Amino acid sequence: MLRIDLLFALKLFAALGSGLVAGVFFAFSTFVMLALARIPSAQGIGVKVAKS
């Protein structure tokens, strides 16, 4: 019984952790895209090329 509870807890922790990381990536990409939308296109392309 203890082993089943431990596996359930590990699966739950893994699922919640994956969701949290996905949310962080989504929020980060949203902020970056909004910031790039504010600057002129040529400057935004220059930022992308300079970072690569």
C-alpha atoms as a PDB file:
ATOM      1  CA  MET A   1       0.000   0.000   0.000  1.00  0.00           C
ATOM      2  CA  LEU A   2       2.785   2.417   0.874  1.00  0.00           C
ATOM      3  CA  ARG A   3       4.486   1.826  -2.472  1.00  0.00           C
ATOM      4  CA  ILE A   4       1.269   2.619  -4.381  1.00  0.00           C
ATOM      5  CA  ASP A   5       0.841   5.854  -2.426  1.00  0.00           C
ATOM      6  CA  LEU A   6       4.457   6.813  -3.090  1.00  0.00           C
ATOM      7  CA  LEU A   7       4.106   6.185  -6.834  1.00  0.00           C
ATOM      8  CA  PHE A   8       0.889   8.192  -6.940  1.00  0.00           C
ATOM      9  CA  ALA A   9       2.573  11.069  -5.111  1.00  0.00           C
ATOM     10  CA  LEU A  10       5.553  10.984  -7.487  1.00  0.00           C
ATOM     11  CA  LYS A  11       3.277  10.965 -10.543  1.00  0.00           C
ATOM     12  CA  LEU A  12       1.238  13.824  -9.150  1.00  0.00           C
ATOM     13  CA  PHE A  13       4.385  15.826  -8.359  1.00  0.00           C
ATOM     14  CA  ALA A  14       5.744  15.180 -11.867  1.00  0.00           C
ATOM     15  CA  ALA A  15       2.487  16.285 -13.502  1.00  0.00           C
ATOM     16  CA  LEU A  16       2.238  19.436 -11.399  1.00  0.00           C
ATOM     17  CA  GLY A  17       5.910  20.239 -11.966  1.00  0.00           C
ATOM     18  CA  SER A  18       5.524  19.834 -15.722  1.00  0.00           C
ATOM     19  CA  GLY A  19       2.509  22.117 -15.693  1.00  0.00           C
ATOM     20  CA  LEU A  20       4.387  24.712 -13.696  1.00  0.00           C
ATOM     21  CA  VAL A  21       7.367  24.702 -16.055  1.00  0.00           C
ATOM     22  CA  ALA A  22       5.040  24.917 -19.071  1.00  0.00           C
ATOM     23  CA  GLY A  23       3.345  27.927 -17.485  1.00  0.00           C
ATOM     24  CA  VAL A  24       6.668  29.652 -16.900  1.00  0.00           C
ATOM     25  CA  PHE A  25       7.714  29.084 -20.515  1.00  0.00           C
ATOM     26  CA  PHE A  26       4.346  30.356 -21.767  1.00  0.00           C
ATOM     27  CA  ALA A  27       4.503  33.497 -19.605  1.00  0.00           C
ATOM     28  CA  PHE A  28       8.098  34.199 -20.662  1.00  0.00           C
ATOM     29  CA  SER A  29       7.318  33.823 -24.363  1.00  0.00           C
ATOM     30  CA  THR A  30       4.241  36.033 -23.984  1.00  0.00           C
ATOM     31  CA  PHE A  31       6.266  38.811 -22.347  1.00  0.00           C
ATOM     32  CA  VAL A  32       8.998  38.571 -24.986  1.00  0.00           C
ATOM     33  CA  MET A  33       6.545  38.650 -27.888  1.00  0.00           C
ATOM     34  CA  LEU A  34       4.737  41.661 -26.402  1.00  0.00           C
ATOM     35  CA  ALA A  35       8.051  43.464 -25.972  1.00  0.00           C
ATOM     36  CA  LEU A  36       9.090  42.671 -29.549  1.00  0.00           C
ATOM     37  CA  ALA A  37       5.728  43.919 -30.820  1.00  0.00           C
ATOM     38  CA  ARG A  38       6.447  47.343 -29.302  1.00  0.00           C
ATOM     39  CA  ILE A  39       9.695  47.978 -31.157  1.00  0.00           C
ATOM     40  CA  PRO A  40      10.125  48.566 -34.910  1.00  0.00           C
ATOM     41  CA  SER A  41      10.419  45.448 -37.088  1.00  0.00           C
ATOM     42  CA  ALA A  42      13.995  46.113 -38.225  1.00  0.00           C
ATOM     43  CA  GLN A  43      15.176  46.550 -34.651  1.00  0.00           C
ATOM     44  CA  GLY A  44      13.378  43.385 -33.545  1.00  0.00           C
ATOM     45  CA  ILE A  45      15.021  41.394 -36.330  1.00  0.00           C
ATOM     46  CA  GLY A  46      18.377  42.846 -35.295  1.00  0.00           C
ATOM     47  CA  VAL A  47      17.842  41.696 -31.719  1.00  0.00           C
ATOM     48  CA  LYS A  48      17.053  38.168 -32.891  1.00  0.00           C
ATOM     49  CA  VAL A  49      20.086  38.015 -35.201  1.00  0.00           C
ATOM     50  CA  ALA A  50      22.454  39.483 -32.599  1.00  0.00           C
ATOM     51  CA  LYS A  51      21.431  36.915 -29.957  1.00  0.00           C
ATOM     52  CA  SER A  52      21.874  33.880 -32.240  1.00  0.00           C
END
